[in-house]
Structure formats: C-alpha cells, structure tokens
N, C-alpha and C. Protein backbone atom coordinates (compact mmCIF):
# COMPACT_ATOMS: atom_id res chain seq x y z
N UNK A 1 0.95 -1.60 -0.18
CA UNK A 1 0.04 0.07 0.14
C UNK A 1 1.17 1.51 0.02
N UNK A 2 1.86 0.96 1.05
CA UNK A 2 2.98 2.50 0.86
C UNK A 2 2.78 3.34 -0.50
N UNK A 3 4.01 2.18 -1.08
CA UNK A 3 4.59 2.46 -2.34
C UNK A 3 3.06 3.39 -3.49
N UNK A 4 2.41 2.38 -4.16
CA UNK A 4 1.58 3.04 -4.89
C UNK A 4 0.83 4.14 -4.44
N UNK A 5 0.82 4.13 -3.11
CA UNK A 5 -0.41 5.60 -2.15
C UNK A 5 0.22 6.86 -2.06
N UNK A 6 1.91 6.28 -2.09
CA UNK A 6 2.49 7.95 -2.36
C UNK A 6 2.70 8.43 -3.74
N UNK A 7 2.69 7.60 -4.86
CA UNK A 7 3.01 7.61 -6.50
C UNK A 7 1.76 9.05 -6.38
N UNK A 8 0.78 8.79 -5.74
CA UNK A 8 -0.05 9.85 -5.67
C UNK A 8 -0.10 11.51 -5.50
N UNK A 9 1.62 11.34 -4.50
CA UNK A 9 2.28 13.04 -4.01
C UNK A 9 3.24 13.06 -5.15
N UNK A 10 3.25 13.82 -5.40
CA UNK A 10 3.87 14.87 -6.50
C UNK A 10 4.35 15.87 -6.11
N UNK A 11 5.99 16.26 -6.39
CA UNK A 11 6.56 17.66 -5.77
C UNK A 11 7.29 18.38 -7.07
N UNK A 12 6.96 19.28 -7.38
CA UNK A 12 6.95 20.00 -8.29
C UNK A 12 8.30 21.84 -8.02
N UNK A 13 8.61 22.16 -8.02
CA UNK A 13 9.49 22.86 -7.90
C UNK A 13 8.67 24.51 -8.25
N UNK A 14 8.43 24.47 -9.35
CA UNK A 14 7.14 25.29 -10.39
C UNK A 14 5.73 25.42 -10.01
N UNK A 15 5.29 24.51 -8.63
CA UNK A 15 4.07 24.79 -7.96
C UNK A 15 4.14 24.58 -6.91
N UNK A 16 3.35 26.13 -6.26
CA UNK A 16 3.84 25.85 -5.17
C UNK A 16 4.92 26.52 -3.74
N UNK A 17 5.92 26.11 -4.69
CA UNK A 17 6.98 26.32 -4.24
C UNK A 17 7.83 25.37 -3.96
N UNK A 18 7.37 24.07 -4.83
CA UNK A 18 7.85 22.51 -4.37
C UNK A 18 7.02 22.01 -3.14
N UNK A 19 6.65 22.44 -2.26
CA UNK A 19 4.89 21.85 -1.14
C UNK A 19 4.74 20.73 -2.70
N UNK A 20 4.63 19.46 -1.87
CA UNK A 20 3.62 18.04 -2.00
C UNK A 20 2.36 18.49 -2.32
N UNK A 21 1.92 18.12 -3.68
CA UNK A 21 0.53 18.06 -3.90
C UNK A 21 0.25 17.12 -4.36
N UNK A 22 -1.62 16.46 -4.68
CA UNK A 22 -1.57 15.50 -4.83
C UNK A 22 -1.77 15.29 -6.09
N UNK A 23 -1.24 14.57 -6.61
CA UNK A 23 -0.79 13.72 -8.55
C UNK A 23 -1.24 15.06 -9.09
N UNK A 24 -0.37 16.59 -8.81
CA UNK A 24 -0.96 16.81 -10.02
C UNK A 24 -2.06 18.14 -9.92
N UNK A 25 -2.73 17.60 -9.18
CA UNK A 25 -4.49 18.84 -8.85
C UNK A 25 -4.08 19.96 -8.27
N UNK A 26 -2.85 20.21 -8.48
CA UNK A 26 -2.78 20.90 -7.44
C UNK A 26 -3.15 21.12 -5.95
N UNK A 27 -3.71 20.51 -5.07
CA UNK A 27 -4.49 20.60 -4.12
C UNK A 27 -3.07 20.01 -3.43
N UNK A 28 -2.16 21.27 -2.74
CA UNK A 28 -1.32 20.27 -1.59
C UNK A 28 -1.79 19.80 -0.24
N UNK A 29 -0.73 18.98 -0.39
CA UNK A 29 -1.26 17.54 1.24
C UNK A 29 -1.49 18.71 2.69
N UNK A 30 -0.48 19.48 2.83
CA UNK A 30 -1.58 20.16 3.87
C UNK A 30 -2.81 20.89 3.92
N UNK A 31 -3.01 20.70 2.87
CA UNK A 31 -5.33 21.56 2.71
C UNK A 31 -6.04 20.23 2.79
N UNK A 32 -5.71 19.30 2.74
CA UNK A 32 -6.04 17.71 2.76
C UNK A 32 -5.82 17.71 4.55
N UNK A 33 -5.32 17.68 5.46
CA UNK A 33 -4.42 17.44 6.48
C UNK A 33 -5.30 18.80 7.12
N UNK A 34 -5.01 19.96 6.65
CA UNK A 34 -6.16 20.89 7.36
C UNK A 34 -7.29 20.85 7.30
N UNK A 35 -8.47 20.50 6.42
CA UNK A 35 -9.68 20.24 6.03
C UNK A 35 -9.93 18.93 6.64
N UNK A 36 -9.26 17.98 7.33
CA UNK A 36 -9.53 16.68 8.45
C UNK A 36 -9.57 17.52 9.69
N UNK A 37 -8.34 18.19 10.04
CA UNK A 37 -8.04 18.62 11.23
C UNK A 37 -9.21 19.72 11.58
N UNK A 38 -9.76 20.42 10.53
CA UNK A 38 -11.02 21.65 11.15
C UNK A 38 -11.99 20.12 11.24
N UNK A 39 -12.15 19.45 10.99
CA UNK A 39 -13.53 18.40 11.24
C UNK A 39 -14.32 18.46 10.14
N UNK A 40 -13.36 18.20 8.53
CA UNK A 40 -14.15 17.90 7.62
C UNK A 40 -13.93 16.20 7.55
N UNK A 41 -15.19 15.68 7.04
CA UNK A 41 -14.98 14.36 6.46
C UNK A 41 -14.51 14.47 5.12
N UNK A 42 -14.37 12.75 5.02
CA UNK A 42 -14.00 12.41 3.35
C UNK A 42 -14.61 12.71 2.41
N UNK A 43 -16.20 12.35 2.84
CA UNK A 43 -17.12 13.34 1.96
C UNK A 43 -17.25 14.10 1.54
N UNK A 44 -16.80 14.91 2.79
CA UNK A 44 -17.63 16.94 2.64
C UNK A 44 -16.36 17.39 1.06
N UNK A 45 -14.53 16.55 1.74
CA UNK A 45 -13.70 17.11 0.80
C UNK A 45 -14.00 16.48 -0.42
N UNK A 46 -14.77 15.54 -1.14
CA UNK A 46 -15.11 14.85 -1.80
C UNK A 46 -16.15 15.60 -2.91
N UNK A 47 -16.68 15.98 -1.88
CA UNK A 47 -18.38 17.16 -2.64
C UNK A 47 -17.81 17.86 -2.70
N UNK A 48 -16.47 18.94 -2.37
CA UNK A 48 -16.05 20.18 -2.69
C UNK A 48 -14.80 20.26 -3.80
N UNK A 49 -14.44 18.95 -3.39
CA UNK A 49 -13.19 18.53 -4.31
C UNK A 49 -13.26 17.53 -5.44
N UNK A 50 -13.82 16.88 -6.14
CA UNK A 50 -14.58 15.57 -6.57
C UNK A 50 -14.00 15.46 -7.21
N UNK A 51 -12.70 16.09 -8.00
CA UNK A 51 -11.17 15.40 -9.01
C UNK A 51 -10.68 14.54 -7.86
N UNK A 52 -10.84 14.88 -6.26
CA UNK A 52 -10.03 14.30 -5.90
C UNK A 52 -10.58 13.07 -5.48
N UNK A 53 -10.31 11.44 -5.10
CA UNK A 53 -9.95 10.05 -4.58
C UNK A 53 -9.94 10.29 -3.49
N UNK A 54 -10.98 9.55 -2.82
CA UNK A 54 -10.16 8.79 -1.05
C UNK A 54 -8.94 8.80 -1.07
N UNK A 55 -8.01 7.83 -1.86
CA UNK A 55 -6.91 7.54 -2.23
C UNK A 55 -5.79 8.89 -1.64
N UNK A 56 -6.32 9.61 -2.79
CA UNK A 56 -5.94 11.08 -2.39
C UNK A 56 -5.14 11.17 -0.42
N UNK A 57 -6.37 11.50 -0.42
CA UNK A 57 -6.03 11.36 0.87
C UNK A 57 -6.03 10.91 1.59
N UNK A 58 -6.08 9.76 1.12
CA UNK A 58 -5.09 8.89 2.07
C UNK A 58 -3.50 9.17 2.12
N UNK A 59 -2.53 8.98 0.74
CA UNK A 59 -2.06 8.72 0.42
C UNK A 59 -1.55 10.65 1.29
N UNK A 60 -2.30 11.60 0.96
CA UNK A 60 -1.26 12.81 1.74
C UNK A 60 -1.32 12.28 3.78
N UNK A 61 -2.32 11.62 3.83
CA UNK A 61 -2.06 11.32 5.65
C UNK A 61 -0.69 10.13 5.82
N UNK A 62 -0.42 9.74 5.08
CA UNK A 62 0.53 8.51 4.06
C UNK A 62 2.07 9.42 4.31
N UNK A 63 1.12 10.50 3.83
CA UNK A 63 3.47 11.15 3.35
C UNK A 63 3.71 11.77 4.89
N UNK A 64 2.00 12.65 5.36
CA UNK A 64 2.56 13.42 6.34
C UNK A 64 2.78 12.39 7.80
N UNK A 65 2.10 11.38 7.67
CA UNK A 65 2.82 10.51 8.69
C UNK A 65 4.14 10.04 8.79
N UNK A 66 5.11 9.97 7.69
CA UNK A 66 6.41 9.52 7.28
C UNK A 66 6.92 10.83 7.38
N UNK A 67 6.65 11.79 7.18
CA UNK A 67 7.44 13.11 7.65
C UNK A 67 7.31 13.43 8.99
N UNK A 68 6.85 13.52 9.54
CA UNK A 68 6.44 12.91 11.32
C UNK A 68 7.42 12.85 11.58
N UNK A 69 7.30 11.20 11.18
CA UNK A 69 8.23 10.09 11.25
C UNK A 69 10.11 10.52 11.38
N UNK A 70 10.20 11.34 10.76
CA UNK A 70 11.45 11.75 10.50
C UNK A 70 12.14 11.72 11.30
N UNK A 71 13.33 10.95 11.60
CA UNK A 71 14.30 10.89 13.14
C UNK A 71 14.91 12.36 13.51
N UNK A 72 14.74 13.25 12.65
CA UNK A 72 15.44 14.67 13.06
C UNK A 72 14.44 15.00 13.02
N UNK A 73 13.72 16.17 14.08
CA UNK A 73 13.24 17.08 14.17
C UNK A 73 13.72 17.80 14.89
N UNK A 74 12.86 19.19 15.10
CA UNK A 74 13.29 20.93 15.45
C UNK A 74 11.90 20.79 15.94
N UNK A 75 12.11 21.50 17.03
CA UNK A 75 11.00 22.28 17.98
C UNK A 75 11.09 23.48 16.36
N UNK A 76 9.84 23.93 16.48
CA UNK A 76 9.28 25.54 16.09
C UNK A 76 10.16 26.79 16.85
C-alpha cells in the first residue's frame, strides 16, 4: 500500500514552491490535512473537490505521517 499510495504525491518546484501536492491537481497535502483537522469528513472533501479520490486523502495522511516520523525534527 505504501509505494502505490505515495505515487499520488508529487513535488514540483514550479508549483507552490515545491510543496507536496496531490498528483498534479494543485491541491497541497497540507490542505487535505487542514481540512481533516478542521473536522471535514472525507465525503465533504470529495463533494467540494470531486476530482480528488479517497486514495488521495489516504496518501496525504501517509505522506504526512512518514514526514513526522523522520528521525530528525526540530521544535518550532
């Protein structure tokens, strides 16, 4: 599941300064995380952004989890 899920995340220095986005649709991974943190359900996000898939949101969560699990993190 990991490898194919992460294929949905792309980084392009010319789009949002290289921030991770969902497979080229110009929705940042951080947007998905913020929507979920604000209490939106998967269904609400899919209604607002019908070109996304449930797997895109799962990939965003996996990507974020992997980044947070990085062995070197600095407090803000």
